[in-house]
Amino acid sequence: MPVRAAVKALILPAPWILSRMQGAVAGQTGQVLALIQAVLFAAFLLAASWTDHRKHIIPDSLNLGIALSALLCFQPENLWGILAAVPFLAAAMGGRMGGGDVKLVAACSLVLGFWDTMAGCVTGLFLMLCSCLVPPGGLQRKKARPMAPFLSAGFLAAYFFL
């Protein structure tokens, strides 16, 4: 099922992809690889968000896909980004969140690097806090919320705008 969600997520940005590919010249492989990485990164994040929203689980295959997309435009300094997952690991060990969120942050950190991952996490957690305040009941302590949609929004914002 996660593969089907990833395929659907690839269809959404099709017009944008086609317009970008027209501008890419065959000799500029770096731009083509960056474009492919952007599409894969967005597609895997959308699939992870959808799956987490529906089933409250983030499949390892989607996290692996995000991590492998980092190889398209690999930068060794992005390995430091894994440190951004440490607070999430501590929360998961305390039973406050799932391990899929930790793996999602770690995988995205390989693409974004430390500072962009931190910015994405802060943005995503802020969005999650705002969503908790919007429903008529206000903050609901016992209700489990999927975190991947909010983190994905923060990571996509960090990827495309920072």
N, C-alpha and C. Protein backbone atom coordinates (compact mmCIF):
# COMPACT_ATOMS: atom_id res chain seq x y z
N MET A 1 0.80 -1.20 0.00
CA MET A 1 0.00 0.00 0.00
C MET A 1 0.85 1.27 0.00
N PRO A 2 2.01 1.34 0.73
CA PRO A 2 2.81 2.55 0.70
C PRO A 2 3.34 2.85 -0.70
N VAL A 3 3.60 1.82 -1.50
CA VAL A 3 4.10 2.04 -2.85
C VAL A 3 3.03 2.71 -3.68
N ARG A 4 1.78 2.30 -3.51
CA ARG A 4 0.67 2.91 -4.25
C ARG A 4 0.54 4.39 -3.87
N ALA A 5 0.69 4.70 -2.60
CA ALA A 5 0.61 6.10 -2.18
C ALA A 5 1.77 6.91 -2.76
N ALA A 6 2.95 6.31 -2.86
CA ALA A 6 4.09 7.01 -3.44
C ALA A 6 3.86 7.28 -4.93
N VAL A 7 3.26 6.32 -5.63
CA VAL A 7 2.98 6.51 -7.05
C VAL A 7 1.96 7.64 -7.24
N LYS A 8 0.95 7.67 -6.40
CA LYS A 8 -0.03 8.74 -6.48
C LYS A 8 0.62 10.09 -6.18
N ALA A 9 1.55 10.10 -5.24
CA ALA A 9 2.22 11.36 -4.90
C ALA A 9 3.12 11.82 -6.03
N LEU A 10 3.62 10.91 -6.84
CA LEU A 10 4.45 11.30 -7.98
C LEU A 10 3.61 11.95 -9.08
N ILE A 11 2.34 11.61 -9.16
CA ILE A 11 1.48 12.15 -10.21
C ILE A 11 1.13 13.61 -9.93
N LEU A 12 0.99 13.97 -8.67
CA LEU A 12 0.58 15.32 -8.31
C LEU A 12 1.50 16.41 -8.87
N PRO A 13 2.81 16.29 -8.73
CA PRO A 13 3.66 17.38 -9.22
C PRO A 13 4.05 17.23 -10.70
N ALA A 14 3.33 16.43 -11.48
CA ALA A 14 3.71 16.17 -12.88
C ALA A 14 3.84 17.44 -13.72
N PRO A 15 2.91 18.40 -13.67
CA PRO A 15 3.10 19.61 -14.49
C PRO A 15 4.35 20.39 -14.11
N TRP A 16 4.64 20.47 -12.83
CA TRP A 16 5.83 21.18 -12.38
C TRP A 16 7.09 20.48 -12.87
N ILE A 17 7.08 19.14 -12.80
CA ILE A 17 8.24 18.36 -13.25
C ILE A 17 8.49 18.59 -14.73
N LEU A 18 7.43 18.54 -15.53
CA LEU A 18 7.60 18.72 -16.98
C LEU A 18 8.12 20.11 -17.31
N SER A 19 7.65 21.12 -16.63
CA SER A 19 8.14 22.47 -16.92
C SER A 19 9.59 22.62 -16.50
N ARG A 20 10.00 21.98 -15.42
CA ARG A 20 11.39 22.04 -14.97
C ARG A 20 12.31 21.27 -15.90
N MET A 21 11.84 20.13 -16.41
CA MET A 21 12.67 19.31 -17.28
C MET A 21 12.91 20.00 -18.62
N GLN A 22 11.99 20.83 -19.06
CA GLN A 22 12.20 21.56 -20.30
C GLN A 22 13.36 22.53 -20.16
N GLY A 23 13.53 23.08 -18.98
CA GLY A 23 14.61 24.03 -18.74
C GLY A 23 15.95 23.37 -18.49
N ALA A 24 15.94 22.08 -18.17
CA ALA A 24 17.19 21.38 -17.87
C ALA A 24 17.89 20.99 -19.17
N VAL A 25 19.12 21.37 -19.28
CA VAL A 25 19.91 21.03 -20.46
C VAL A 25 20.61 19.71 -20.18
N ALA A 26 20.82 18.90 -21.21
CA ALA A 26 21.42 17.57 -21.04
C ALA A 26 22.78 17.64 -20.37
N GLY A 27 23.53 18.70 -20.55
CA GLY A 27 24.87 18.81 -19.97
C GLY A 27 24.85 19.18 -18.50
N GLN A 28 23.71 19.52 -17.95
CA GLN A 28 23.62 19.95 -16.56
C GLN A 28 23.04 18.84 -15.69
N THR A 29 23.82 17.80 -15.50
CA THR A 29 23.33 16.63 -14.76
C THR A 29 23.06 16.96 -13.29
N GLY A 30 23.78 17.93 -12.73
CA GLY A 30 23.55 18.30 -11.33
C GLY A 30 22.15 18.83 -11.11
N GLN A 31 21.66 19.62 -12.05
CA GLN A 31 20.31 20.16 -11.92
C GLN A 31 19.26 19.06 -12.10
N VAL A 32 19.53 18.15 -13.01
CA VAL A 32 18.59 17.04 -13.22
C VAL A 32 18.53 16.15 -11.99
N LEU A 33 19.69 15.86 -11.40
CA LEU A 33 19.71 15.04 -10.18
C LEU A 33 19.02 15.75 -9.03
N ALA A 34 19.21 17.06 -8.93
CA ALA A 34 18.54 17.83 -7.87
C ALA A 34 17.03 17.82 -8.08
N LEU A 35 16.60 17.89 -9.31
CA LEU A 35 15.17 17.84 -9.61
C LEU A 35 14.59 16.47 -9.26
N ILE A 36 15.30 15.42 -9.62
CA ILE A 36 14.85 14.06 -9.30
C ILE A 36 14.79 13.87 -7.79
N GLN A 37 15.81 14.39 -7.08
CA GLN A 37 15.82 14.28 -5.63
C GLN A 37 14.62 15.02 -5.02
N ALA A 38 14.33 16.21 -5.53
CA ALA A 38 13.21 16.98 -5.00
C ALA A 38 11.89 16.25 -5.20
N VAL A 39 11.71 15.66 -6.36
CA VAL A 39 10.46 14.94 -6.64
C VAL A 39 10.35 13.70 -5.75
N LEU A 40 11.44 12.93 -5.65
CA LEU A 40 11.40 11.73 -4.80
C LEU A 40 11.20 12.08 -3.34
N PHE A 41 11.89 13.11 -2.87
CA PHE A 41 11.77 13.54 -1.48
C PHE A 41 10.32 13.93 -1.17
N ALA A 42 9.73 14.74 -2.05
CA ALA A 42 8.35 15.16 -1.83
C ALA A 42 7.38 13.98 -1.92
N ALA A 43 7.61 13.09 -2.88
CA ALA A 43 6.71 11.94 -3.04
C ALA A 43 6.76 11.01 -1.83
N PHE A 44 7.96 10.72 -1.36
CA PHE A 44 8.07 9.83 -0.19
C PHE A 44 7.50 10.48 1.06
N LEU A 45 7.69 11.79 1.21
CA LEU A 45 7.11 12.47 2.37
C LEU A 45 5.58 12.49 2.31
N LEU A 46 5.04 12.70 1.12
CA LEU A 46 3.58 12.66 0.98
C LEU A 46 3.03 11.27 1.26
N ALA A 47 3.73 10.25 0.79
CA ALA A 47 3.29 8.88 1.05
C ALA A 47 3.39 8.54 2.54
N ALA A 48 4.46 9.00 3.19
CA ALA A 48 4.60 8.76 4.63
C ALA A 48 3.51 9.48 5.41
N SER A 49 3.18 10.69 4.99
CA SER A 49 2.12 11.45 5.66
C SER A 49 0.78 10.75 5.53
N TRP A 50 0.49 10.32 4.32
CA TRP A 50 -0.79 9.66 4.06
C TRP A 50 -0.90 8.36 4.87
N THR A 51 0.16 7.57 4.86
CA THR A 51 0.14 6.30 5.57
C THR A 51 0.03 6.51 7.08
N ASP A 52 0.76 7.49 7.59
CA ASP A 52 0.70 7.77 9.03
C ASP A 52 -0.68 8.29 9.42
N HIS A 53 -1.26 9.09 8.57
CA HIS A 53 -2.60 9.61 8.85
C HIS A 53 -3.64 8.49 8.87
N ARG A 54 -3.53 7.54 7.95
CA ARG A 54 -4.53 6.47 7.84
C ARG A 54 -4.30 5.33 8.82
N LYS A 55 -3.03 4.93 9.01
CA LYS A 55 -2.75 3.71 9.77
C LYS A 55 -1.89 3.94 11.02
N HIS A 56 -1.45 5.16 11.25
CA HIS A 56 -0.57 5.48 12.38
C HIS A 56 0.72 4.67 12.36
N ILE A 57 1.28 4.53 11.16
CA ILE A 57 2.56 3.84 11.01
C ILE A 57 3.28 4.45 9.81
N ILE A 58 4.60 4.52 9.90
CA ILE A 58 5.41 4.98 8.78
C ILE A 58 6.28 3.80 8.36
N PRO A 59 6.02 3.23 7.20
CA PRO A 59 6.77 2.04 6.77
C PRO A 59 8.26 2.35 6.59
N ASP A 60 9.08 1.38 6.94
CA ASP A 60 10.52 1.53 6.79
C ASP A 60 10.92 1.73 5.33
N SER A 61 10.14 1.18 4.41
CA SER A 61 10.47 1.33 2.99
C SER A 61 10.43 2.79 2.56
N LEU A 62 9.51 3.56 3.11
CA LEU A 62 9.43 4.98 2.77
C LEU A 62 10.60 5.75 3.37
N ASN A 63 10.96 5.42 4.60
CA ASN A 63 12.13 6.06 5.22
C ASN A 63 13.41 5.71 4.46
N LEU A 64 13.51 4.47 4.02
CA LEU A 64 14.67 4.06 3.23
C LEU A 64 14.71 4.80 1.89
N GLY A 65 13.56 4.99 1.27
CA GLY A 65 13.51 5.74 0.02
C GLY A 65 13.97 7.18 0.19
N ILE A 66 13.58 7.81 1.29
CA ILE A 66 14.03 9.17 1.57
C ILE A 66 15.53 9.20 1.77
N ALA A 67 16.04 8.24 2.55
CA ALA A 67 17.48 8.19 2.79
C ALA A 67 18.26 7.93 1.50
N LEU A 68 17.74 7.07 0.64
CA LEU A 68 18.43 6.79 -0.62
C LEU A 68 18.37 7.97 -1.58
N SER A 69 17.31 8.78 -1.48
CA SER A 69 17.24 9.95 -2.35
C SER A 69 18.33 10.97 -1.99
N ALA A 70 18.86 10.88 -0.78
CA ALA A 70 19.96 11.76 -0.38
C ALA A 70 21.22 11.47 -1.19
N LEU A 71 21.35 10.26 -1.71
CA LEU A 71 22.54 9.89 -2.47
C LEU A 71 22.61 10.60 -3.82
N LEU A 72 21.48 11.10 -4.31
CA LEU A 72 21.48 11.77 -5.61
C LEU A 72 22.29 13.07 -5.58
N CYS A 73 22.23 13.78 -4.48
CA CYS A 73 23.00 15.03 -4.31
C CYS A 73 23.71 14.97 -2.96
N PHE A 74 24.53 13.96 -2.78
CA PHE A 74 25.13 13.70 -1.47
C PHE A 74 26.13 14.79 -1.08
N GLN A 75 26.01 15.22 0.16
CA GLN A 75 26.96 16.16 0.76
C GLN A 75 27.35 15.59 2.12
N PRO A 76 28.64 15.34 2.33
CA PRO A 76 29.07 14.70 3.59
C PRO A 76 28.65 15.45 4.85
N GLU A 77 28.56 16.77 4.78
CA GLU A 77 28.19 17.53 5.98
C GLU A 77 26.74 17.27 6.40
N ASN A 78 25.93 16.74 5.50
CA ASN A 78 24.54 16.42 5.87
C ASN A 78 24.46 15.25 6.85
N LEU A 79 25.53 14.49 6.98
CA LEU A 79 25.52 13.38 7.95
C LEU A 79 25.36 13.89 9.38
N TRP A 80 25.78 15.14 9.64
CA TRP A 80 25.60 15.73 10.97
C TRP A 80 24.12 15.92 11.29
N GLY A 81 23.28 15.93 10.28
CA GLY A 81 21.86 16.12 10.49
C GLY A 81 21.21 15.03 11.31
N ILE A 82 21.83 13.87 11.35
CA ILE A 82 21.26 12.76 12.13
C ILE A 82 21.14 13.13 13.60
N LEU A 83 21.96 14.06 14.06
CA LEU A 83 21.87 14.51 15.45
C LEU A 83 20.52 15.17 15.75
N ALA A 84 19.84 15.67 14.72
CA ALA A 84 18.53 16.28 14.93
C ALA A 84 17.49 15.26 15.36
N ALA A 85 17.76 13.98 15.13
CA ALA A 85 16.81 12.93 15.50
C ALA A 85 16.96 12.51 16.97
N VAL A 86 18.00 12.97 17.64
CA VAL A 86 18.26 12.55 19.03
C VAL A 86 17.11 12.93 19.98
N PRO A 87 16.58 14.17 19.93
CA PRO A 87 15.44 14.46 20.83
C PRO A 87 14.21 13.60 20.54
N PHE A 88 14.02 13.27 19.27
CA PHE A 88 12.90 12.40 18.92
C PHE A 88 13.13 10.98 19.42
N LEU A 89 14.38 10.54 19.38
CA LEU A 89 14.72 9.22 19.91
C LEU A 89 14.47 9.16 21.41
N ALA A 90 14.84 10.23 22.11
CA ALA A 90 14.59 10.28 23.56
C ALA A 90 13.09 10.23 23.85
N ALA A 91 12.30 10.94 23.05
CA ALA A 91 10.84 10.92 23.26
C ALA A 91 10.27 9.54 22.95
N ALA A 92 10.80 8.88 21.94
CA ALA A 92 10.31 7.54 21.58
C ALA A 92 10.68 6.53 22.66
N MET A 93 11.86 6.67 23.24
CA MET A 93 12.27 5.74 24.30
C MET A 93 11.43 5.96 25.55
N GLY A 94 10.92 7.17 25.72
CA GLY A 94 10.04 7.45 26.85
C GLY A 94 8.60 7.04 26.60
N GLY A 95 8.32 6.53 25.41
CA GLY A 95 6.97 6.07 25.09
C GLY A 95 6.03 7.17 24.63
N ARG A 96 6.56 8.34 24.32
CA ARG A 96 5.72 9.46 23.93
C ARG A 96 5.43 9.54 22.43
N MET A 97 6.18 8.81 21.63
CA MET A 97 5.98 8.82 20.18
C MET A 97 6.50 7.53 19.59
N GLY A 98 6.20 7.32 18.33
CA GLY A 98 6.61 6.09 17.67
C GLY A 98 8.00 6.17 17.08
N GLY A 99 8.55 5.02 16.79
CA GLY A 99 9.89 4.96 16.21
C GLY A 99 9.92 5.38 14.75
N GLY A 100 8.79 5.29 14.06
CA GLY A 100 8.74 5.71 12.66
C GLY A 100 9.03 7.19 12.50
N ASP A 101 8.59 7.99 13.45
CA ASP A 101 8.86 9.43 13.40
C ASP A 101 10.35 9.70 13.57
N VAL A 102 11.00 8.92 14.42
CA VAL A 102 12.44 9.07 14.63
C VAL A 102 13.18 8.74 13.33
N LYS A 103 12.78 7.64 12.71
CA LYS A 103 13.43 7.24 11.45
C LYS A 103 13.14 8.24 10.34
N LEU A 104 11.95 8.83 10.35
CA LEU A 104 11.61 9.84 9.35
C LEU A 104 12.51 11.07 9.49
N VAL A 105 12.71 11.52 10.71
CA VAL A 105 13.58 12.68 10.95
C VAL A 105 15.02 12.34 10.55
N ALA A 106 15.48 11.16 10.91
CA ALA A 106 16.85 10.76 10.55
C ALA A 106 17.03 10.67 9.04
N ALA A 107 16.06 10.11 8.34
CA ALA A 107 16.16 9.99 6.89
C ALA A 107 16.13 11.36 6.23
N CYS A 108 15.25 12.22 6.69
CA CYS A 108 15.17 13.57 6.11
C CYS A 108 16.42 14.38 6.40
N SER A 109 17.05 14.10 7.52
CA SER A 109 18.27 14.84 7.86
C SER A 109 19.40 14.55 6.89
N LEU A 110 19.40 13.38 6.28
CA LEU A 110 20.43 13.06 5.28
C LEU A 110 20.25 13.89 4.02
N VAL A 111 19.03 14.29 3.74
CA VAL A 111 18.75 15.13 2.58
C VAL A 111 18.97 16.60 2.93
N LEU A 112 18.52 17.02 4.11
CA LEU A 112 18.50 18.43 4.46
C LEU A 112 19.74 18.95 5.17
N GLY A 113 20.39 18.13 5.96
CA GLY A 113 21.46 18.61 6.82
C GLY A 113 20.90 19.02 8.18
N PHE A 114 21.78 19.37 9.09
CA PHE A 114 21.37 19.61 10.48
C PHE A 114 20.44 20.82 10.62
N TRP A 115 20.87 21.98 10.15
CA TRP A 115 20.10 23.20 10.42
C TRP A 115 18.76 23.21 9.71
N ASP A 116 18.73 22.74 8.47
CA ASP A 116 17.45 22.69 7.76
C ASP A 116 16.52 21.65 8.39
N THR A 117 17.08 20.56 8.91
CA THR A 117 16.25 19.56 9.59
C THR A 117 15.68 20.15 10.87
N MET A 118 16.50 20.88 11.60
CA MET A 118 16.00 21.53 12.83
C MET A 118 14.90 22.53 12.50
N ALA A 119 15.09 23.31 11.44
CA ALA A 119 14.06 24.27 11.03
C ALA A 119 12.78 23.54 10.62
N GLY A 120 12.93 22.42 9.91
CA GLY A 120 11.76 21.63 9.51
C GLY A 120 11.04 21.04 10.71
N CYS A 121 11.80 20.56 11.69
CA CYS A 121 11.19 19.99 12.90
C CYS A 121 10.43 21.06 13.68
N VAL A 122 11.05 22.22 13.85
CA VAL A 122 10.39 23.31 14.59
C VAL A 122 9.12 23.74 13.87
N THR A 123 9.21 23.88 12.54
CA THR A 123 8.03 24.26 11.77
C THR A 123 6.93 23.20 11.88
N GLY A 124 7.31 21.94 11.73
CA GLY A 124 6.33 20.86 11.82
C GLY A 124 5.68 20.76 13.19
N LEU A 125 6.48 20.89 14.24
CA LEU A 125 5.92 20.82 15.59
C LEU A 125 5.03 22.02 15.89
N PHE A 126 5.40 23.19 15.35
CA PHE A 126 4.54 24.36 15.50
C PHE A 126 3.20 24.15 14.80
N LEU A 127 3.25 23.59 13.59
CA LEU A 127 2.01 23.30 12.87
C LEU A 127 1.15 22.30 13.63
N MET A 128 1.80 21.32 14.24
CA MET A 128 1.06 20.32 15.02
C MET A 128 0.40 20.97 16.24
N LEU A 129 1.12 21.86 16.90
CA LEU A 129 0.56 22.57 18.04
C LEU A 129 -0.64 23.41 17.61
N CYS A 130 -0.51 24.09 16.48
CA CYS A 130 -1.63 24.89 15.97
C CYS A 130 -2.84 24.02 15.65
N SER A 131 -2.60 22.84 15.11
CA SER A 131 -3.73 21.95 14.79
C SER A 131 -4.42 21.43 16.05
N CYS A 132 -3.68 21.34 17.13
CA CYS A 132 -4.29 20.91 18.39
C CYS A 132 -5.18 21.99 18.97
N LEU A 133 -4.90 23.23 18.66
CA LEU A 133 -5.68 24.33 19.20
C LEU A 133 -6.94 24.62 18.38
N VAL A 134 -6.98 24.19 17.14
CA VAL A 134 -8.09 24.50 16.24
C VAL A 134 -9.37 23.75 16.56
N PRO A 135 -9.35 22.43 16.85
CA PRO A 135 -10.61 21.72 17.10
C PRO A 135 -11.36 22.31 18.28
N PRO A 136 -12.68 22.14 18.31
CA PRO A 136 -13.49 22.72 19.38
C PRO A 136 -13.07 22.27 20.77
N GLY A 137 -12.49 21.09 20.90
CA GLY A 137 -12.08 20.60 22.21
C GLY A 137 -10.77 21.18 22.70
N GLY A 138 -10.05 21.89 21.88
CA GLY A 138 -8.75 22.42 22.27
C GLY A 138 -7.72 21.30 22.34
N LEU A 139 -6.73 21.47 23.19
CA LEU A 139 -5.70 20.44 23.34
C LEU A 139 -6.30 19.19 23.97
N GLN A 140 -6.10 18.07 23.35
CA GLN A 140 -6.63 16.81 23.87
C GLN A 140 -5.45 15.93 24.23
N ARG A 141 -5.25 15.71 25.47
CA ARG A 141 -4.06 15.02 25.96
C ARG A 141 -4.01 13.55 25.55
N LYS A 142 -5.10 12.86 25.60
CA LYS A 142 -5.10 11.41 25.38
C LYS A 142 -5.15 11.02 23.91
N LYS A 143 -5.51 11.92 23.03
CA LYS A 143 -5.70 11.57 21.63
C LYS A 143 -4.35 11.50 20.91
N ALA A 144 -4.08 10.36 20.28
CA ALA A 144 -2.84 10.20 19.52
C ALA A 144 -3.01 10.86 18.16
N ARG A 145 -2.04 11.66 17.76
CA ARG A 145 -2.07 12.34 16.48
C ARG A 145 -0.90 11.86 15.64
N PRO A 146 -1.13 11.66 14.35
CA PRO A 146 0.01 11.31 13.48
C PRO A 146 0.93 12.52 13.32
N MET A 147 2.21 12.29 13.45
CA MET A 147 3.16 13.39 13.40
C MET A 147 3.74 13.61 12.00
N ALA A 148 3.74 12.57 11.18
CA ALA A 148 4.39 12.66 9.87
C ALA A 148 3.81 13.75 8.97
N PRO A 149 2.50 13.98 8.94
CA PRO A 149 2.01 15.05 8.08
C PRO A 149 2.58 16.42 8.45
N PHE A 150 2.71 16.68 9.73
CA PHE A 150 3.22 17.97 10.18
C PHE A 150 4.73 18.09 9.95
N LEU A 151 5.45 17.00 10.29
CA LEU A 151 6.89 17.01 10.05
C LEU A 151 7.19 17.12 8.55
N SER A 152 6.40 16.43 7.74
CA SER A 152 6.61 16.48 6.30
C SER A 152 6.41 17.89 5.76
N ALA A 153 5.39 18.57 6.26
CA ALA A 153 5.17 19.96 5.84
C ALA A 153 6.36 20.83 6.22
N GLY A 154 6.89 20.62 7.42
CA GLY A 154 8.06 21.38 7.84
C GLY A 154 9.30 21.05 7.02
N PHE A 155 9.49 19.78 6.72
CA PHE A 155 10.66 19.38 5.92
C PHE A 155 10.56 19.89 4.49
N LEU A 156 9.36 19.84 3.91
CA LEU A 156 9.19 20.36 2.57
C LEU A 156 9.42 21.86 2.51
N ALA A 157 8.94 22.56 3.54
CA ALA A 157 9.19 24.00 3.62
C ALA A 157 10.68 24.29 3.74
N ALA A 158 11.37 23.51 4.56
CA ALA A 158 12.81 23.70 4.72
C ALA A 158 13.56 23.37 3.42
N TYR A 159 13.11 22.35 2.72
CA TYR A 159 13.79 21.94 1.48
C TYR A 159 13.61 22.98 0.38
N PHE A 160 12.40 23.47 0.21
CA PHE A 160 12.13 24.35 -0.92
C PHE A 160 12.33 25.84 -0.62
N PHE A 161 12.28 26.23 0.65
CA PHE A 161 12.34 27.66 0.94
C PHE A 161 13.58 28.11 1.69
N LEU A 162 14.37 27.18 2.22
CA LEU A 162 15.58 27.59 2.95
C LEU A 162 16.82 27.34 2.13
